[in-house]
PDB file of N, CA and C in Angstrom:
ATOM      1  N   MET A   1     112.180  95.215 136.107  1.00  0.00           N
ATOM      2  CA  MET A   1     110.519  96.183 135.125  1.00  0.00           C
ATOM      3  C   MET A   1     110.134  96.833 135.573  1.00  0.00           C
ATOM      4  N   PRO A   2     109.819  98.440 135.121  1.00  0.00           N
ATOM      5  CA  PRO A   2     109.174  99.278 135.537  1.00  0.00           C
ATOM      6  C   PRO A   2     108.068  98.827 136.866  1.00  0.00           C
ATOM      7  N   GLU A   3     107.713  99.766 137.610  1.00  0.00           N
ATOM      8  CA  GLU A   3     106.178  99.272 138.570  1.00  0.00           C
ATOM      9  C   GLU A   3     105.577  99.728 137.315  1.00  0.00           C
ATOM     10  N   VAL A   4     104.936 100.538 136.742  1.00  0.00           N
ATOM     11  CA  VAL A   4     104.124 100.343 135.762  1.00  0.00           C
ATOM     12  C   VAL A   4     103.622  99.020 134.912  1.00  0.00           C
ATOM     13  N   ARG A   5     104.621  98.035 134.042  1.00  0.00           N
ATOM     14  CA  ARG A   5     104.572  97.553 133.332  1.00  0.00           C
ATOM     15  C   ARG A   5     104.280  96.232 133.953  1.00  0.00           C
ATOM     16  N   ARG A   6     104.920  96.400 135.946  1.00  0.00           N
ATOM     17  CA  ARG A   6     104.651  95.057 136.603  1.00  0.00           C
ATOM     18  C   ARG A   6     103.157  94.944 137.055  1.00  0.00           C
ATOM     19  N   GLU A   7     102.623  96.105 136.957  1.00  0.00           N
ATOM     20  CA  GLU A   7     101.002  96.107 137.745  1.00  0.00           C
ATOM     21  C   GLU A   7     100.166  95.996 136.432  1.00  0.00           C
ATOM     22  N   ALA A   8     100.641  96.216 135.531  1.00  0.00           N
ATOM     23  CA  ALA A   8      99.836  96.181 133.832  1.00  0.00           C
ATOM     24  C   ALA A   8      99.723  94.436 133.749  1.00  0.00           C
ATOM     25  N   TRP A   9     100.795  93.825 134.297  1.00  0.00           N
ATOM     26  CA  TRP A   9     100.801  92.241 133.731  1.00  0.00           C
ATOM     27  C   TRP A   9     100.388  92.053 135.085  1.00  0.00           C
ATOM     28  N   ARG A  10     100.252  92.513 136.405  1.00  0.00           N
ATOM     29  CA  ARG A  10      99.021  91.446 137.450  1.00  0.00           C
ATOM     30  C   ARG A  10      97.802  91.807 136.949  1.00  0.00           C
ATOM     31  N   LYS A  11      97.536  93.303 136.651  1.00  0.00           N
ATOM     32  CA  LYS A  11      95.832  93.132 136.090  1.00  0.00           C
ATOM     33  C   LYS A  11      95.744  92.130 135.403  1.00  0.00           C
ATOM     34  N   VAL A  12      96.559  92.130 134.080  1.00  0.00           N
ATOM     35  CA  VAL A  12      96.179  90.523 132.903  1.00  0.00           C
ATOM     36  C   VAL A  12      96.485  89.378 133.931  1.00  0.00           C
ATOM     37  N   ALA A  13      97.166  89.374 134.240  1.00  0.00           N
ATOM     38  CA  ALA A  13      97.030  88.179 135.366  1.00  0.00           C
ATOM     39  C   ALA A  13      95.613  87.695 135.988  1.00  0.00           C
ATOM     40  N   ARG A  14      95.280  88.614 137.037  1.00  0.00           N
ATOM     41  CA  ARG A  14      93.508  88.351 137.655  1.00  0.00           C
ATOM     42  C   ARG A  14      92.386  88.665 137.079  1.00  0.00           C
ATOM     43  N   ALA A  15      92.643  89.010 135.768  1.00  0.00           N
ATOM     44  CA  ALA A  15      91.855  88.976 134.499  1.00  0.00           C
ATOM     45  C   ALA A  15      91.291  87.702 134.167  1.00  0.00           C
ATOM     46  N   LEU A  16      92.752  87.531 133.887  1.00  0.00           N
ATOM     47  CA  LEU A  16      92.770  85.900 132.895  1.00  0.00           C
ATOM     48  C   LEU A  16      92.471  85.068 133.861  1.00  0.00           C
ATOM     49  N   GLY A  17      93.409  85.102 134.964  1.00  0.00           N
ATOM     50  CA  GLY A  17      93.658  83.680 135.801  1.00  0.00           C
ATOM     51  C   GLY A  17      95.203  83.192 135.233  1.00  0.00           C
ATOM     52  N   MET A  18      95.637  82.866 136.051  1.00  0.00           N
ATOM     53  CA  MET A  18      97.211  82.014 135.669  1.00  0.00           C
ATOM     54  C   MET A  18      96.774  81.260 134.670  1.00  0.00           C
ATOM     55  N   VAL A  19      95.794  80.188 134.563  1.00  0.00           N
ATOM     56  CA  VAL A  19      95.848  79.353 133.014  1.00  0.00           C
ATOM     57  C   VAL A  19      95.400  80.190 131.684  1.00  0.00           C
ATOM     58  N   GLY A  20      94.763  81.279 132.012  1.00  0.00           N
ATOM     59  CA  GLY A  20      94.492  81.897 130.688  1.00  0.00           C
ATOM     60  C   GLY A  20      95.850  82.622 130.387  1.00  0.00           C
ATOM     61  N   LEU A  21      96.513  83.187 131.574  1.00  0.00           N
ATOM     62  CA  LEU A  21      97.709  84.082 131.161  1.00  0.00           C
ATOM     63  C   LEU A  21      98.896  83.361 130.345  1.00  0.00           C
ATOM     64  N   ALA A  22      98.945  81.446 130.719  1.00  0.00           N
ATOM     65  CA  ALA A  22      99.534  80.637 130.231  1.00  0.00           C
ATOM     66  C   ALA A  22      99.409  80.499 128.551  1.00  0.00           C
ATOM     67  N   ALA A  23      97.879  80.570 128.633  1.00  0.00           N
ATOM     68  CA  ALA A  23      97.301  80.151 127.291  1.00  0.00           C
ATOM     69  C   ALA A  23      97.814  81.251 126.268  1.00  0.00           C
ATOM     70  N   GLY A  24      97.645  82.533 127.474  1.00  0.00           N
ATOM     71  CA  GLY A  24      97.815  83.772 126.205  1.00  0.00           C
ATOM     72  C   GLY A  24      98.967  83.547 125.632  1.00  0.00           C
ATOM     73  N   PHE A  25     100.009  83.160 126.544  1.00  0.00           N
ATOM     74  CA  PHE A  25     101.811  83.475 126.073  1.00  0.00           C
ATOM     75  C   PHE A  25     101.602  82.393 125.121  1.00  0.00           C
ATOM     76  N   ALA A  26     100.990  81.166 125.319  1.00  0.00           N
ATOM     77  CA  ALA A  26     101.533  79.991 124.240  1.00  0.00           C
ATOM     78  C   ALA A  26     100.731  80.693 122.726  1.00  0.00           C
ATOM     79  N   TRP A  27      99.644  81.407 123.077  1.00  0.00           N
ATOM     80  CA  TRP A  27      98.878  82.029 121.569  1.00  0.00           C
ATOM     81  C   TRP A  27     100.046  82.750 121.006  1.00  0.00           C
ATOM     82  N   LEU A  28     100.748  83.585 121.633  1.00  0.00           N
ATOM     83  CA  LEU A  28     101.908  84.503 121.324  1.00  0.00           C
ATOM     84  C   LEU A  28     103.069  83.783 120.738  1.00  0.00           C
ATOM     85  N   ALA A  29     103.229  82.947 121.477  1.00  0.00           N
ATOM     86  CA  ALA A  29     104.728  82.407 120.780  1.00  0.00           C
ATOM     87  C   ALA A  29     104.306  81.490 119.613  1.00  0.00           C
ATOM     88  N   ALA A  30     103.203  81.161 119.722  1.00  0.00           N
ATOM     89  CA  ALA A  30     102.314  80.455 118.312  1.00  0.00           C
ATOM     90  C   ALA A  30     102.442  81.710 117.067  1.00  0.00           C
ATOM     91  N   CYS A  31     102.027  82.711 117.200  1.00  0.00           N
ATOM     92  CA  CYS A  31     101.498  83.547 116.345  1.00  0.00           C
ATOM     93  C   CYS A  31     103.011  84.037 115.950  1.00  0.00           C
ATOM     94  N   ARG A  32     104.265  84.211 116.677  1.00  0.00           N
ATOM     95  CA  ARG A  32     105.465  84.695 116.129  1.00  0.00           C
ATOM     96  C   ARG A  32     106.129  83.580 115.711  1.00  0.00           C
ATOM     97  N   SER A  33     105.763  82.094 115.737  1.00  0.00           N
ATOM     98  CA  SER A  33     106.635  81.470 115.069  1.00  0.00           C
ATOM     99  C   SER A  33     106.348  81.498 113.498  1.00  0.00           C
ATOM    100  N   THR A  34     107.258  80.674 113.168  1.00  0.00           N
ATOM    101  CA  THR A  34     107.033  80.394 111.366  1.00  0.00           C
ATOM    102  C   THR A  34     107.700  79.442 111.021  1.00  0.00           C
ATOM    103  N   PRO A  35     106.871  78.485 110.341  1.00  0.00           N
ATOM    104  CA  PRO A  35     107.422  77.142 109.820  1.00  0.00           C
ATOM    105  C   PRO A  35     108.756  76.938 109.237  1.00  0.00           C
ATOM    106  N   PRO A  36     109.183  75.749 109.300  1.00  0.00           N
ATOM    107  CA  PRO A  36     110.515  75.166 109.348  1.00  0.00           C
ATOM    108  C   PRO A  36     110.379  75.742 107.879  1.00  0.00           C
ATOM    109  N   LEU A  37     111.516  76.134 107.275  1.00  0.00           N
ATOM    110  CA  LEU A  37     111.806  76.038 105.633  1.00  0.00           C
ATOM    111  C   LEU A  37     111.329  74.785 105.315  1.00  0.00           C
ATOM    112  N   THR A  38     111.525  74.639 103.586  1.00  0.00           N
ATOM    113  CA  THR A  38     110.875  72.946 103.322  1.00  0.00           C
ATOM    114  C   THR A  38     112.647  72.938 102.777  1.00  0.00           C
ATOM    115  N   ALA A  39     112.479  71.774 102.343  1.00  0.00           N
ATOM    116  CA  ALA A  39     113.928  71.229 101.762  1.00  0.00           C
ATOM    117  C   ALA A  39     114.479  72.374 100.618  1.00  0.00           C
ATOM    118  N   GLN A  40     113.534  72.609  99.807  1.00  0.00           N
ATOM    119  CA  GLN A  40     113.815  73.397  98.559  1.00  0.00           C
ATOM    120  C   GLN A  40     113.807  74.768  99.139  1.00  0.00           C
ATOM    121  N   GLU A  41     113.581  75.338  99.953  1.00  0.00           N
ATOM    122  CA  GLU A  41     113.609  76.604 100.623  1.00  0.00           C
ATOM    123  C   GLU A  41     115.037  76.416 101.374  1.00  0.00           C
ATOM    124  N   ALA A  42     115.784  75.392 101.908  1.00  0.00           N
ATOM    125  CA  ALA A  42     116.543  75.611 102.498  1.00  0.00           C
ATOM    126  C   ALA A  42     118.143  75.102 101.651  1.00  0.00           C
ATOM    127  N   GLU A  43     117.964  74.675 100.062  1.00  0.00           N
ATOM    128  CA  GLU A  43     118.963  74.093  99.473  1.00  0.00           C
ATOM    129  C   GLU A  43     118.766  76.051  98.952  1.00  0.00           C
ATOM    130  N   GLY A  44     118.018  76.689  98.584  1.00  0.00           N
ATOM    131  CA  GLY A  44     118.084  78.336  98.279  1.00  0.00           C
ATOM    132  C   GLY A  44     118.673  78.948  98.805  1.00  0.00           C
ATOM    133  N   LYS A  45     118.464  78.639 100.416  1.00  0.00           N
ATOM    134  CA  LYS A  45     119.060  80.080 101.543  1.00  0.00           C
ATOM    135  C   LYS A  45     120.275  79.484 101.293  1.00  0.00           C
ATOM    136  N   HIS A  46     120.736  78.083 100.982  1.00  0.00           N
ATOM    137  CA  HIS A  46     122.346  77.997 101.180  1.00  0.00           C
ATOM    138  C   HIS A  46     122.616  78.754  99.605  1.00  0.00           C
ATOM    139  N   LEU A  47     122.170  78.597  98.692  1.00  0.00           N
ATOM    140  CA  LEU A  47     122.275  78.986  97.322  1.00  0.00           C
ATOM    141  C   LEU A  47     122.875  80.730  97.687  1.00  0.00           C
ATOM    142  N   TYR A  48     121.769  81.384  98.528  1.00  0.00           N
ATOM    143  CA  TYR A  48     121.590  82.653  98.386  1.00  0.00           C
ATOM    144  C   TYR A  48     122.780  83.095  99.285  1.00  0.00           C
ATOM    145  N   THR A  49     123.245  82.503 100.386  1.00  0.00           N
ATOM    146  CA  THR A  49     124.354  82.682 101.347  1.00  0.00           C
ATOM    147  C   THR A  49     125.506  82.295 100.503  1.00  0.00           C
ATOM    148  N   VAL A  50     125.923  81.476  99.794  1.00  0.00           N
ATOM    149  CA  VAL A  50     127.127  81.256  98.906  1.00  0.00           C
ATOM    150  C   VAL A  50     126.898  82.246  97.984  1.00  0.00           C
ATOM    151  N   ARG A  51     126.121  82.882  97.415  1.00  0.00           N
ATOM    152  CA  ARG A  51     126.760  82.958  95.563  1.00  0.00           C
ATOM    153  C   ARG A  51     125.495  84.851  95.747  1.00  0.00           C
ATOM    154  N   CYS A  52     124.838  85.193  96.967  1.00  0.00           N
ATOM    155  CA  CYS A  52     124.395  86.195  96.600  1.00  0.00           C
ATOM    156  C   CYS A  52     124.771  87.267  98.007  1.00  0.00           C
ATOM    157  N   ALA A  53     124.452  86.525  98.857  1.00  0.00           N
ATOM    158  CA  ALA A  53     124.687  87.022 100.289  1.00  0.00           C
ATOM    159  C   ALA A  53     126.151  88.198 100.509  1.00  0.00           C
ATOM    160  N   HIS A  54     127.093  88.066  99.763  1.00  0.00           N
ATOM    161  CA  HIS A  54     128.015  88.589  99.745  1.00  0.00           C
ATOM    162  C   HIS A  54     128.352  90.065  99.226  1.00  0.00           C
ATOM    163  N   CYS A  55     126.987  90.330  97.990  1.00  0.00           N
ATOM    164  CA  CYS A  55     126.724  91.694  97.439  1.00  0.00           C
ATOM    165  C   CYS A  55     125.446  92.108  98.214  1.00  0.00           C
ATOM    166  N   HIS A  56     124.792  91.123  98.159  1.00  0.00           N
ATOM    167  CA  HIS A  56     123.343  91.994  98.948  1.00  0.00           C
ATOM    168  C   HIS A  56     122.832  91.928 100.264  1.00  0.00           C
ATOM    169  N   GLU A  57     123.692  91.059 101.477  1.00  0.00           N
ATOM    170  CA  GLU A  57     123.670  91.581 102.357  1.00  0.00           C
ATOM    171  C   GLU A  57     124.818  92.116 103.253  1.00  0.00           C
ATOM    172  N   GLU A  58     125.844  91.749 103.138  1.00  0.00           N
ATOM    173  CA  GLU A  58     127.402  91.896 103.510  1.00  0.00           C
ATOM    174  C   GLU A  58     127.970  92.906 102.731  1.00  0.00           C
ATOM    175  N   ASN A  59     127.927  92.975 101.535  1.00  0.00           N
ATOM    176  CA  ASN A  59     128.778  94.059 100.591  1.00  0.00           C
ATOM    177  C   ASN A  59     129.963  93.884 101.165  1.00  0.00           C
ATOM    178  N   ASP A  60     131.000  92.567 101.278  1.00  0.00           N
ATOM    179  CA  ASP A  60     132.132  92.216 101.642  1.00  0.00           C
ATOM    180  C   ASP A  60     132.938  92.734 100.536  1.00  0.00           C
ATOM    181  N   LEU A  61     132.467  92.738  99.328  1.00  0.00           N
ATOM    182  CA  LEU A  61     133.694  92.964  98.046  1.00  0.00           C
ATOM    183  C   LEU A  61     133.808  94.434  98.129  1.00  0.00           C
ATOM    184  N   ALA A  62     132.868  95.340  98.777  1.00  0.00           N
ATOM    185  CA  ALA A  62     133.523  96.791  99.181  1.00  0.00           C
ATOM    186  C   ALA A  62     132.838  97.479  97.945  1.00  0.00           C
ATOM    187  N   LEU A  63     131.668  97.006  97.289  1.00  0.00           N
ATOM    188  CA  LEU A  63     130.966  97.795  96.126  1.00  0.00           C
ATOM    189  C   LEU A  63     131.075  99.275  96.406  1.00  0.00           C
ATOM    190  N   LYS A  64     130.989  99.979  95.613  1.00  0.00           N
ATOM    191  CA  LYS A  64     130.183 101.559  95.569  1.00  0.00           C
ATOM    192  C   LYS A  64     129.025 101.762  95.810  1.00  0.00           C
ATOM    193  N   LYS A  65     128.309 100.813  94.636  1.00  0.00           N
ATOM    194  CA  LYS A  65     126.716 101.139  94.773  1.00  0.00           C
ATOM    195  C   LYS A  65     126.218  99.870  95.554  1.00  0.00           C
ATOM    196  N   VAL A  66     125.949 100.165  96.644  1.00  0.00           N
ATOM    197  CA  VAL A  66     125.333  98.806  97.529  1.00  0.00           C
ATOM    198  C   VAL A  66     124.232  98.178  96.678  1.00  0.00           C
ATOM    199  N   PRO A  67     124.136  97.115  96.522  1.00  0.00           N
ATOM    200  CA  PRO A  67     122.894  96.437  96.019  1.00  0.00           C
ATOM    201  C   PRO A  67     122.141  96.356  96.798  1.00  0.00           C
ATOM    202  N   PRO A  68     120.748  96.474  95.610  1.00  0.00           N
ATOM    203  CA  PRO A  68     119.574  96.396  96.835  1.00  0.00           C
ATOM    204  C   PRO A  68     119.136  95.505  97.755  1.00  0.00           C
ATOM    205  N   ASP A  69     118.606  95.949  98.829  1.00  0.00           N
ATOM    206  CA  ASP A  69     118.148  94.396 100.354  1.00  0.00           C
ATOM    207  C   ASP A  69     117.118  93.462  99.143  1.00  0.00           C
ATOM    208  N   LEU A  70     117.054  92.438  99.298  1.00  0.00           N
ATOM    209  CA  LEU A  70     116.567  91.481  98.801  1.00  0.00           C
ATOM    210  C   LEU A  70     115.306  90.518  99.309  1.00  0.00           C
ATOM    211  N   HIS A  71     115.418  91.598 101.190  1.00  0.00           N
ATOM    212  CA  HIS A  71     114.383  91.149 101.922  1.00  0.00           C
ATOM    213  C   HIS A  71     112.762  91.291 101.316  1.00  0.00           C
ATOM    214  N   ASN A  72     111.823  90.354 101.447  1.00  0.00           N
ATOM    215  CA  ASN A  72     110.701  90.728 101.318  1.00  0.00           C
ATOM    216  C   ASN A  72     110.594  91.595  99.738  1.00  0.00           C
ATOM    217  N   ILE A  73     111.339  90.699  98.890  1.00  0.00           N
ATOM    218  CA  ILE A  73     111.297  91.530  97.658  1.00  0.00           C
ATOM    219  C   ILE A  73     109.948  91.213  96.713  1.00  0.00           C
ATOM    220  N   PHE A  74     109.753  89.751  96.836  1.00  0.00           N
ATOM    221  CA  PHE A  74     108.107  89.790  96.845  1.00  0.00           C
ATOM    222  C   PHE A  74     107.032  89.897  97.171  1.00  0.00           C
ATOM    223  N   LYS A  75     106.909  91.153  98.172  1.00  0.00           N
ATOM    224  CA  LYS A  75     106.077  91.620  98.681  1.00  0.00           C
ATOM    225  C   LYS A  75     105.958  92.670  98.611  1.00  0.00           C
ATOM    226  N   ARG A  76     107.044  93.123  97.748  1.00  0.00           N
ATOM    227  CA  ARG A  76     107.140  94.743  97.473  1.00  0.00           C
ATOM    228  C   ARG A  76     106.640  95.140  96.068  1.00  0.00           C
ATOM    229  N   GLY A  77     106.096  94.174  95.096  1.00  0.00           N
ATOM    230  CA  GLY A  77     105.680  93.972  94.337  1.00  0.00           C
ATOM    231  C   GLY A  77     106.620  94.842  92.753  1.00  0.00           C
ATOM    232  N   ARG A  78     107.340  95.655  93.111  1.00  0.00           N
ATOM    233  CA  ARG A  78     108.391  96.123  92.332  1.00  0.00           C
ATOM    234  C   ARG A  78     110.461  95.631  92.343  1.00  0.00           C
ATOM    235  N   LEU A  79     110.467  95.570  91.352  1.00  0.00           N
ATOM    236  CA  LEU A  79     112.154  95.478  91.518  1.00  0.00           C
ATOM    237  C   LEU A  79     112.579  96.546  91.543  1.00  0.00           C
ATOM    238  N   PRO A  80     113.679  96.770  91.984  1.00  0.00           N
ATOM    239  CA  PRO A  80     114.129  98.241  91.949  1.00  0.00           C
ATOM    240  C   PRO A  80     114.354  99.078  90.581  1.00  0.00           C
ATOM    241  N   SER A  81     114.221  98.198  89.589  1.00  0.00           N
ATOM    242  CA  SER A  81     114.843  98.734  88.305  1.00  0.00           C
ATOM    243  C   SER A  81     112.502  99.347  87.657  1.00  0.00           C
ATOM    244  N   GLY A  82     111.891  98.968  88.936  1.00  0.00           N
ATOM    245  CA  GLY A  82     110.662  99.213  88.393  1.00  0.00           C
ATOM    246  C   GLY A  82     109.595  98.313  88.229  1.00  0.00           C
ATOM    247  N   ALA A  83     110.580  96.991  87.437  1.00  0.00           N
ATOM    248  CA  ALA A  83     109.665  95.897  86.765  1.00  0.00           C
ATOM    249  C   ALA A  83     108.748  95.504  87.734  1.00  0.00           C
ATOM    250  N   ALA A  84     107.754  94.281  87.619  1.00  0.00           N
ATOM    251  CA  ALA A  84     107.299  93.501  88.388  1.00  0.00           C
ATOM    252  C   ALA A  84     107.630  92.772  88.965  1.00  0.00           C
ATOM    253  N   THR A  85     107.587  92.159  90.126  1.00  0.00           N
ATOM    254  CA  THR A  85     107.965  91.334  90.876  1.00  0.00           C
ATOM    255  C   THR A  85     107.581  90.276  90.672  1.00  0.00           C
ATOM    256  N   THR A  86     108.289  89.535  89.499  1.00  0.00           N
ATOM    257  CA  THR A  86     107.321  87.664  89.319  1.00  0.00           C
ATOM    258  C   THR A  86     108.290  86.896  89.818  1.00  0.00           C
ATOM    259  N   GLY A  87     108.702  85.511  89.528  1.00  0.00           N
ATOM    260  CA  GLY A  87     109.218  84.688  89.392  1.00  0.00           C
ATOM    261  C   GLY A  87     110.207  84.466  88.048  1.00  0.00           C
ATOM    262  N   ALA A  88     109.610  84.796  87.070  1.00  0.00           N
ATOM    263  CA  ALA A  88     110.375  85.162  85.408  1.00  0.00           C
ATOM    264  C   ALA A  88     111.238  86.176  85.941  1.00  0.00           C
ATOM    265  N   GLN A  89     110.686  87.374  85.900  1.00  0.00           N
ATOM    266  CA  GLN A  89     111.532  88.467  86.085  1.00  0.00           C
ATOM    267  C   GLN A  89     112.555  88.536  87.070  1.00  0.00           C
ATOM    268  N   VAL A  90     112.686  88.045  88.150  1.00  0.00           N
ATOM    269  CA  VAL A  90     113.701  87.866  89.156  1.00  0.00           C
ATOM    270  C   VAL A  90     114.807  86.640  88.542  1.00  0.00           C
ATOM    271  N   GLU A  91     113.675  85.970  87.759  1.00  0.00           N
ATOM    272  CA  GLU A  91     115.435  84.468  86.847  1.00  0.00           C
ATOM    273  C   GLU A  91     115.893  85.447  86.416  1.00  0.00           C
ATOM    274  N   SER A  92     114.836  86.203  85.233  1.00  0.00           N
ATOM    275  CA  SER A  92     115.868  86.841  84.214  1.00  0.00           C
ATOM    276  C   SER A  92     117.041  87.912  84.733  1.00  0.00           C
ATOM    277  N   VAL A  93     116.547  88.670  85.454  1.00  0.00           N
ATOM    278  CA  VAL A  93     117.797  89.418  86.433  1.00  0.00           C
ATOM    279  C   VAL A  93     119.355  88.607  86.919  1.00  0.00           C
ATOM    280  N   VAL A  94     118.793  87.865  87.629  1.00  0.00           N
ATOM    281  CA  VAL A  94     119.804  86.660  88.161  1.00  0.00           C
ATOM    282  C   VAL A  94     120.392  85.937  86.981  1.00  0.00           C
ATOM    283  N   LEU A  95     120.231  85.459  85.899  1.00  0.00           N
ATOM    284  CA  LEU A  95     120.554  84.779  84.562  1.00  0.00           C
ATOM    285  C   LEU A  95     121.702  86.369  83.867  1.00  0.00           C
ATOM    286  N   ALA A  96     120.486  86.921  83.826  1.00  0.00           N
ATOM    287  CA  ALA A  96     121.151  87.694  82.457  1.00  0.00           C
ATOM    288  C   ALA A  96     122.286  89.047  83.359  1.00  0.00           C
ATOM    289  N   GLY A  97     121.277  89.342  84.377  1.00  0.00           N
ATOM    290  CA  GLY A  97     122.128  90.291  84.975  1.00  0.00           C
ATOM    291  C   GLY A  97     121.612  91.590  84.885  1.00  0.00           C
ATOM    292  N   ARG A  98     122.399  92.958  85.640  1.00  0.00           N
ATOM    293  CA  ARG A  98     121.569  94.366  85.300  1.00  0.00           C
ATOM    294  C   ARG A  98     122.332  95.085  85.685  1.00  0.00           C
ATOM    295  N   GLY A  99     122.888  96.109  84.985  1.00  0.00           N
ATOM    296  CA  GLY A  99     123.704  97.515  85.954  1.00  0.00           C
ATOM    297  C   GLY A  99     124.612  96.673  86.162  1.00  0.00           C
ATOM    298  N   MET A 100     125.063  96.713  87.447  1.00  0.00           N
ATOM    299  CA  MET A 100     126.504  96.382  88.342  1.00  0.00           C
ATOM    300  C   MET A 100     126.725  95.057  88.759  1.00  0.00           C
ATOM    301  N   MET A 101     125.454  94.301  88.482  1.00  0.00           N
ATOM    302  CA  MET A 101     125.494  92.665  88.897  1.00  0.00           C
ATOM    303  C   MET A 101     125.509  91.862  87.808  1.00  0.00           C
ATOM    304  N   PRO A 102     126.342  91.280  88.189  1.00  0.00           N
ATOM    305  CA  PRO A 102     126.623  90.080  86.497  1.00  0.00           C
ATOM    306  C   PRO A 102     126.188  89.257  85.991  1.00  0.00           C
ATOM    307  N   ALA A 103     125.822  88.585  84.905  1.00  0.00           N
ATOM    308  CA  ALA A 103     125.404  87.736  84.887  1.00  0.00           C
ATOM    309  C   ALA A 103     125.351  86.144  85.513  1.00  0.00           C
ATOM    310  N   PHE A 104     124.350  85.487  86.348  1.00  0.00           N
ATOM    311  CA  PHE A 104     124.570  84.139  86.301  1.00  0.00           C
ATOM    312  C   PHE A 104     124.694  82.978  85.559  1.00  0.00           C
ATOM    313  N   THR A 105     124.328  83.167  84.374  1.00  0.00           N
ATOM    314  CA  THR A 105     123.508  82.466  83.639  1.00  0.00           C
ATOM    315  C   THR A 105     124.995  81.279  83.278  1.00  0.00           C
ATOM    316  N   GLY A 106     124.136  79.977  83.280  1.00  0.00           N
ATOM    317  CA  GLY A 106     125.449  78.766  84.021  1.00  0.00           C
ATOM    318  C   GLY A 106     125.856  78.186  84.981  1.00  0.00           C
ATOM    319  N   ARG A 107     125.303  79.214  85.863  1.00  0.00           N
ATOM    320  CA  ARG A 107     125.964  79.059  87.012  1.00  0.00           C
ATOM    321  C   ARG A 107     124.794  78.343  88.049  1.00  0.00           C
ATOM    322  N   PHE A 108     123.675  78.355  87.560  1.00  0.00           N
ATOM    323  CA  PHE A 108     122.298  77.854  88.017  1.00  0.00           C
ATOM    324  C   PHE A 108     121.718  76.659  87.815  1.00  0.00           C
ATOM    325  N   THR A 109     121.596  75.543  88.080  1.00  0.00           N
ATOM    326  CA  THR A 109     120.760  74.632  87.237  1.00  0.00           C
ATOM    327  C   THR A 109     118.877  75.286  87.434  1.00  0.00           C
ATOM    328  N   GLN A 110     118.115  74.598  86.598  1.00  0.00           N
ATOM    329  CA  GLN A 110     117.087  75.116  86.815  1.00  0.00           C
ATOM    330  C   GLN A 110     116.476  74.498  88.630  1.00  0.00           C
ATOM    331  N   GLU A 111     116.972  73.475  89.079  1.00  0.00           N
ATOM    332  CA  GLU A 111     116.170  72.851  90.378  1.00  0.00           C
ATOM    333  C   GLU A 111     116.983  74.043  91.296  1.00  0.00           C
ATOM    334  N   GLN A 112     118.135  74.510  90.945  1.00  0.00           N
ATOM    335  CA  GLN A 112     118.430  75.479  91.625  1.00  0.00           C
ATOM    336  C   GLN A 112     117.940  77.164  91.636  1.00  0.00           C
ATOM    337  N   MET A 113     117.871  77.336  90.410  1.00  0.00           N
ATOM    338  CA  MET A 113     116.872  78.716  90.521  1.00  0.00           C
ATOM    339  C   MET A 113     115.976  78.393  90.756  1.00  0.00           C
ATOM    340  N   ALA A 114     114.845  77.024  90.694  1.00  0.00           N
ATOM    341  CA  ALA A 114     114.166  76.964  91.487  1.00  0.00           C
ATOM    342  C   ALA A 114     114.176  77.327  92.993  1.00  0.00           C
ATOM    343  N   ALA A 115     114.958  76.391  93.187  1.00  0.00           N
ATOM    344  CA  ALA A 115     115.604  76.541  95.075  1.00  0.00           C
ATOM    345  C   ALA A 115     115.431  78.225  95.845  1.00  0.00           C
ATOM    346  N   LEU A 116     116.609  78.645  94.851  1.00  0.00           N
ATOM    347  CA  LEU A 116     116.739  80.100  94.895  1.00  0.00           C
ATOM    348  C   LEU A 116     115.338  80.958  94.834  1.00  0.00           C
ATOM    349  N   LEU A 117     114.417  80.891  94.172  1.00  0.00           N
ATOM    350  CA  LEU A 117     113.501  81.416  94.001  1.00  0.00           C
ATOM    351  C   LEU A 117     112.163  81.116  95.140  1.00  0.00           C
ATOM    352  N   ALA A 118     112.353  79.505  95.474  1.00  0.00           N
ATOM    353  CA  ALA A 118     111.553  79.727  96.940  1.00  0.00           C
ATOM    354  C   ALA A 118     112.222  79.879  98.238  1.00  0.00           C
ATOM    355  N   TYR A 119     113.248  80.285  98.080  1.00  0.00           N
ATOM    356  CA  TYR A 119     113.851  81.016  99.214  1.00  0.00           C
ATOM    357  C   TYR A 119     113.623  82.716  99.027  1.00  0.00           C
ATOM    358  N   LEU A 120     113.671  82.950  98.125  1.00  0.00           N
ATOM    359  CA  LEU A 120     113.644  84.564  98.226  1.00  0.00           C
ATOM    360  C   LEU A 120     111.614  85.020  98.175  1.00  0.00           C
ATOM    361  N   HIS A 121     110.815  83.359  97.837  1.00  0.00           N
ATOM    362  CA  HIS A 121     109.259  84.072  98.206  1.00  0.00           C
ATOM    363  C   HIS A 121     109.456  83.632  99.932  1.00  0.00           C
ATOM    364  N   THR A 122     110.207  83.159 100.359  1.00  0.00           N
ATOM    365  CA  THR A 122     110.032  83.312 101.940  1.00  0.00           C
ATOM    366  C   THR A 122     110.083  84.767 102.612  1.00  0.00           C
ATOM    367  N   GLY A 123     111.236  85.714 102.095  1.00  0.00           N
ATOM    368  CA  GLY A 123     111.189  86.991 102.629  1.00  0.00           C
ATOM    369  C   GLY A 123     112.346  87.114 103.049  1.00  0.00           C
ATOM    370  N   LEU A 124     113.184  85.724 102.960  1.00  0.00           N
ATOM    371  CA  LEU A 124     114.550  85.981 103.399  1.00  0.00           C
ATOM    372  C   LEU A 124     114.851  85.285 104.991  1.00  0.00           C
ATOM    373  N   ARG A 125     114.077  84.167 104.933  1.00  0.00           N
ATOM    374  CA  ARG A 125     114.207  83.910 106.861  1.00  0.00           C
ATOM    375  C   ARG A 125     115.151  83.138 107.267  1.00  0.00           C
TER     376      ARG A 125
END
């Protein structure tokens, strides 16, 4: 560790005391931890992995046009098409397809679609 950083940590340790420093590290760890996926979100993650990730993550199908990144899609507020990012709009694109994306009508039950949307709402953790 560079000497400047080491000295900075020593100052923090002296200022907080070792108990305060340990509490500070515990607090930092708690801030960075994310809650575990619910059963529905875990099912959505599985569906995403087996039905979506081939194009939207790995592009292992060697597509010439790379499909959009779906990480944090609901936080962005807009789909690549410019449409508002709502559950209904995302479901419509998945089921009907759009551009190079094929339609997935009949490939998802309502429960599976709800699980996929729940997982997409996590930002793809």
